[in-house]
Amino acid sequence: MSSLKGETKMTEGEYYLDDGTRIDEDSIPVPPLCQSCAINGKENVACNLTRMDQMDEIQKGEMFCYFAYEPNNLTIDKEALFKEMEEHGS
């Protein structure tokens, strides 16, 4: 007998908000920072959970913060981006 109440089954591509609302993976916004990230598409679950956590900010055009960011282009200054994210968060 399980001691867990209200167990939730999760399948790939399905995400849920704390209130139980299902969020379709395709509806999670992908901010510009993700589009220049080497991780984008590889760490899909971690990326999507981070994007979901900041959905309101993304939709308002505010800065998206993700410190696991790895630029896919050597001309991008990762340290400058992280500094800007840290300043934004304070």
N, C-alpha and C. Protein backbone atom coordinates (compact mmCIF):
# COMPACT_ATOMS: atom_id res chain seq x y z
N MET A 1 0.84 -1.19 0.00
CA MET A 1 0.00 0.00 0.00
C MET A 1 0.88 1.24 0.00
N SER A 2 0.61 2.15 -0.91
CA SER A 2 1.39 3.37 -1.04
C SER A 2 0.94 4.41 -0.03
N SER A 3 1.90 5.14 0.53
CA SER A 3 1.56 6.20 1.46
C SER A 3 1.40 7.54 0.76
N LEU A 4 1.63 7.56 -0.57
CA LEU A 4 1.50 8.80 -1.33
C LEU A 4 0.04 9.04 -1.71
N LYS A 5 -0.39 10.25 -1.56
CA LYS A 5 -1.75 10.62 -1.95
C LYS A 5 -1.68 11.41 -3.24
N GLY A 6 -2.63 11.19 -4.11
CA GLY A 6 -2.72 11.97 -5.34
C GLY A 6 -1.52 11.79 -6.25
N GLU A 7 -1.07 10.57 -6.43
CA GLU A 7 0.07 10.32 -7.31
C GLU A 7 -0.23 10.82 -8.71
N THR A 8 0.77 11.39 -9.34
CA THR A 8 0.61 11.91 -10.68
C THR A 8 1.50 11.14 -11.63
N LYS A 9 0.94 10.68 -12.72
CA LYS A 9 1.74 10.01 -13.73
C LYS A 9 2.20 11.06 -14.73
N MET A 10 3.47 11.03 -15.02
CA MET A 10 4.04 11.99 -15.97
C MET A 10 4.54 11.22 -17.18
N THR A 11 4.31 11.75 -18.34
CA THR A 11 4.86 11.17 -19.56
C THR A 11 5.65 12.25 -20.28
N GLU A 12 6.52 11.82 -21.18
CA GLU A 12 7.34 12.77 -21.90
C GLU A 12 6.48 13.80 -22.62
N GLY A 13 6.87 15.06 -22.51
CA GLY A 13 6.16 16.14 -23.18
C GLY A 13 4.98 16.69 -22.40
N GLU A 14 4.74 16.17 -21.19
CA GLU A 14 3.65 16.69 -20.36
C GLU A 14 4.21 17.31 -19.10
N TYR A 15 3.78 18.52 -18.85
CA TYR A 15 4.23 19.27 -17.68
C TYR A 15 3.00 19.81 -16.96
N TYR A 16 3.12 19.97 -15.66
CA TYR A 16 1.99 20.43 -14.86
C TYR A 16 2.42 21.55 -13.94
N LEU A 17 1.57 22.57 -13.81
CA LEU A 17 1.78 23.63 -12.84
C LEU A 17 1.44 23.09 -11.45
N ASP A 18 1.80 23.82 -10.44
CA ASP A 18 1.54 23.39 -9.06
C ASP A 18 0.07 23.13 -8.81
N ASP A 19 -0.80 23.84 -9.52
CA ASP A 19 -2.24 23.66 -9.29
C ASP A 19 -2.82 22.49 -10.09
N GLY A 20 -1.96 21.76 -10.83
CA GLY A 20 -2.40 20.60 -11.59
C GLY A 20 -2.74 20.88 -13.04
N THR A 21 -2.67 22.15 -13.44
CA THR A 21 -2.96 22.52 -14.82
C THR A 21 -1.89 21.93 -15.74
N ARG A 22 -2.33 21.21 -16.77
CA ARG A 22 -1.40 20.60 -17.73
C ARG A 22 -0.93 21.66 -18.70
N ILE A 23 0.37 21.69 -18.95
CA ILE A 23 0.96 22.61 -19.92
C ILE A 23 1.55 21.78 -21.04
N ASP A 24 1.12 22.04 -22.26
CA ASP A 24 1.65 21.33 -23.42
C ASP A 24 3.07 21.84 -23.69
N GLU A 25 3.97 20.92 -23.94
CA GLU A 25 5.38 21.28 -24.19
C GLU A 25 5.51 22.31 -25.31
N ASP A 26 4.71 22.21 -26.33
CA ASP A 26 4.80 23.14 -27.46
C ASP A 26 4.34 24.55 -27.11
N SER A 27 3.65 24.72 -25.99
CA SER A 27 3.17 26.05 -25.62
C SER A 27 4.14 26.78 -24.69
N ILE A 28 5.22 26.12 -24.30
CA ILE A 28 6.20 26.76 -23.42
C ILE A 28 7.06 27.68 -24.28
N PRO A 29 7.09 28.99 -23.96
CA PRO A 29 7.84 29.92 -24.79
C PRO A 29 9.34 29.64 -24.74
N VAL A 30 10.00 29.88 -25.89
CA VAL A 30 11.45 29.70 -25.98
C VAL A 30 12.06 31.09 -26.20
N PRO A 31 12.67 31.65 -25.14
CA PRO A 31 13.24 33.00 -25.28
C PRO A 31 14.48 33.01 -26.17
N PRO A 32 14.86 34.19 -26.66
CA PRO A 32 16.02 34.29 -27.55
C PRO A 32 17.30 33.69 -26.95
N LEU A 33 17.50 33.81 -25.65
CA LEU A 33 18.70 33.25 -25.04
C LEU A 33 18.80 31.76 -25.33
N CYS A 34 17.70 31.04 -25.27
CA CYS A 34 17.69 29.59 -25.51
C CYS A 34 18.06 29.27 -26.95
N GLN A 35 17.69 30.14 -27.85
CA GLN A 35 17.95 29.90 -29.26
C GLN A 35 19.44 29.96 -29.59
N SER A 36 20.22 30.59 -28.71
CA SER A 36 21.68 30.67 -28.92
C SER A 36 22.42 29.76 -27.94
N CYS A 37 21.71 28.80 -27.35
CA CYS A 37 22.29 27.91 -26.35
C CYS A 37 22.59 26.54 -26.94
N ALA A 38 23.78 26.04 -26.67
CA ALA A 38 24.18 24.72 -27.16
C ALA A 38 23.38 23.61 -26.50
N ILE A 39 22.84 23.86 -25.33
CA ILE A 39 22.07 22.85 -24.58
C ILE A 39 20.65 22.73 -25.12
N ASN A 40 20.13 23.77 -25.74
CA ASN A 40 18.75 23.80 -26.21
C ASN A 40 18.40 22.54 -26.99
N GLY A 41 17.39 21.84 -26.52
CA GLY A 41 16.95 20.63 -27.17
C GLY A 41 17.59 19.37 -26.63
N LYS A 42 18.70 19.49 -25.90
CA LYS A 42 19.39 18.33 -25.35
C LYS A 42 18.94 18.05 -23.93
N GLU A 43 18.80 19.09 -23.15
CA GLU A 43 18.37 18.97 -21.75
C GLU A 43 16.93 19.46 -21.68
N ASN A 44 16.09 18.90 -22.51
CA ASN A 44 14.74 19.41 -22.71
C ASN A 44 13.94 19.57 -21.43
N VAL A 45 13.95 18.59 -20.55
CA VAL A 45 13.14 18.66 -19.33
C VAL A 45 13.62 19.79 -18.44
N ALA A 46 14.93 19.86 -18.18
CA ALA A 46 15.46 20.92 -17.33
C ALA A 46 15.19 22.29 -17.93
N CYS A 47 15.40 22.41 -19.23
CA CYS A 47 15.15 23.69 -19.90
C CYS A 47 13.68 24.07 -19.81
N ASN A 48 12.79 23.13 -20.10
CA ASN A 48 11.36 23.43 -20.07
C ASN A 48 10.89 23.80 -18.67
N LEU A 49 11.38 23.13 -17.65
CA LEU A 49 10.98 23.48 -16.28
C LEU A 49 11.45 24.88 -15.92
N THR A 50 12.64 25.25 -16.35
CA THR A 50 13.15 26.60 -16.09
C THR A 50 12.32 27.63 -16.84
N ARG A 51 11.98 27.33 -18.10
CA ARG A 51 11.16 28.25 -18.89
C ARG A 51 9.77 28.40 -18.27
N MET A 52 9.19 27.29 -17.81
CA MET A 52 7.87 27.35 -17.17
C MET A 52 7.90 28.22 -15.93
N ASP A 53 8.99 28.10 -15.16
CA ASP A 53 9.12 28.87 -13.94
C ASP A 53 9.17 30.37 -14.23
N GLN A 54 9.63 30.73 -15.42
CA GLN A 54 9.78 32.14 -15.77
C GLN A 54 8.83 32.55 -16.91
N MET A 55 7.76 31.79 -17.12
CA MET A 55 6.85 32.06 -18.23
C MET A 55 6.31 33.48 -18.22
N ASP A 56 5.90 33.98 -17.06
CA ASP A 56 5.36 35.34 -17.00
C ASP A 56 6.40 36.36 -17.45
N GLU A 57 7.63 36.20 -16.98
CA GLU A 57 8.69 37.12 -17.36
C GLU A 57 8.98 37.05 -18.86
N ILE A 58 9.02 35.84 -19.40
CA ILE A 58 9.29 35.66 -20.83
C ILE A 58 8.19 36.35 -21.65
N GLN A 59 6.94 36.13 -21.27
CA GLN A 59 5.82 36.69 -22.03
C GLN A 59 5.78 38.22 -21.94
N LYS A 60 6.34 38.78 -20.86
CA LYS A 60 6.41 40.24 -20.70
C LYS A 60 7.65 40.82 -21.36
N GLY A 61 8.52 39.97 -21.92
CA GLY A 61 9.73 40.44 -22.57
C GLY A 61 10.84 40.78 -21.59
N GLU A 62 10.70 40.33 -20.35
CA GLU A 62 11.73 40.59 -19.34
C GLU A 62 12.88 39.61 -19.51
N MET A 63 13.96 39.86 -18.79
CA MET A 63 15.14 39.01 -18.93
C MET A 63 14.87 37.60 -18.42
N PHE A 64 15.28 36.64 -19.24
CA PHE A 64 15.20 35.23 -18.88
C PHE A 64 16.55 34.84 -18.30
N CYS A 65 16.57 34.25 -17.12
CA CYS A 65 17.80 33.87 -16.44
C CYS A 65 17.95 32.36 -16.40
N TYR A 66 19.07 31.89 -16.93
CA TYR A 66 19.35 30.45 -16.91
C TYR A 66 20.85 30.27 -16.84
N PHE A 67 21.35 29.92 -15.66
CA PHE A 67 22.78 29.88 -15.42
C PHE A 67 23.45 28.60 -15.94
N ALA A 68 22.70 27.70 -16.55
CA ALA A 68 23.29 26.54 -17.21
C ALA A 68 23.55 26.83 -18.69
N TYR A 69 23.31 28.07 -19.08
CA TYR A 69 23.48 28.50 -20.47
C TYR A 69 24.89 28.22 -20.97
N GLU A 70 24.97 27.63 -22.16
CA GLU A 70 26.23 27.40 -22.86
C GLU A 70 26.07 27.94 -24.28
N PRO A 71 26.77 29.02 -24.61
CA PRO A 71 26.60 29.61 -25.95
C PRO A 71 27.03 28.65 -27.05
N ASN A 72 26.27 28.67 -28.14
CA ASN A 72 26.62 27.84 -29.29
C ASN A 72 27.49 28.60 -30.28
N ASN A 73 27.89 29.80 -29.89
CA ASN A 73 28.70 30.66 -30.74
C ASN A 73 29.81 31.26 -29.88
N LEU A 74 31.05 31.10 -30.29
CA LEU A 74 32.19 31.57 -29.51
C LEU A 74 32.27 33.08 -29.36
N THR A 75 31.50 33.82 -30.16
CA THR A 75 31.53 35.28 -30.05
C THR A 75 30.63 35.79 -28.93
N ILE A 76 29.81 34.93 -28.35
CA ILE A 76 28.92 35.33 -27.25
C ILE A 76 29.72 35.33 -25.95
N ASP A 77 29.65 36.44 -25.22
CA ASP A 77 30.37 36.58 -23.95
C ASP A 77 29.51 36.03 -22.82
N LYS A 78 29.72 34.78 -22.50
CA LYS A 78 28.94 34.08 -21.48
C LYS A 78 29.06 34.78 -20.12
N GLU A 79 30.25 35.18 -19.74
CA GLU A 79 30.46 35.81 -18.44
C GLU A 79 29.70 37.14 -18.33
N ALA A 80 29.67 37.91 -19.41
CA ALA A 80 28.92 39.18 -19.41
C ALA A 80 27.42 38.90 -19.27
N LEU A 81 26.94 37.86 -19.94
CA LEU A 81 25.52 37.49 -19.81
C LEU A 81 25.19 37.09 -18.38
N PHE A 82 26.05 36.27 -17.76
CA PHE A 82 25.81 35.85 -16.38
C PHE A 82 25.83 37.03 -15.43
N LYS A 83 26.73 37.97 -15.66
CA LYS A 83 26.79 39.17 -14.82
C LYS A 83 25.48 39.95 -14.92
N GLU A 84 24.99 40.07 -16.15
CA GLU A 84 23.72 40.79 -16.36
C GLU A 84 22.56 40.05 -15.68
N MET A 85 22.56 38.70 -15.75
CA MET A 85 21.52 37.92 -15.09
C MET A 85 21.57 38.11 -13.58
N GLU A 86 22.78 38.10 -13.02
CA GLU A 86 22.93 38.29 -11.57
C GLU A 86 22.43 39.66 -11.16
N GLU A 87 22.77 40.70 -11.92
CA GLU A 87 22.32 42.05 -11.62
C GLU A 87 20.80 42.17 -11.73
N HIS A 88 20.25 41.47 -12.70
CA HIS A 88 18.80 41.49 -12.91
C HIS A 88 18.06 40.84 -11.74
N GLY A 89 18.66 39.78 -11.18
CA GLY A 89 18.02 39.05 -10.10
C GLY A 89 18.07 39.74 -8.76
N SER A 90 18.89 40.76 -8.63
CA SER A 90 19.00 41.43 -7.32
C SER A 90 18.10 42.62 -7.18
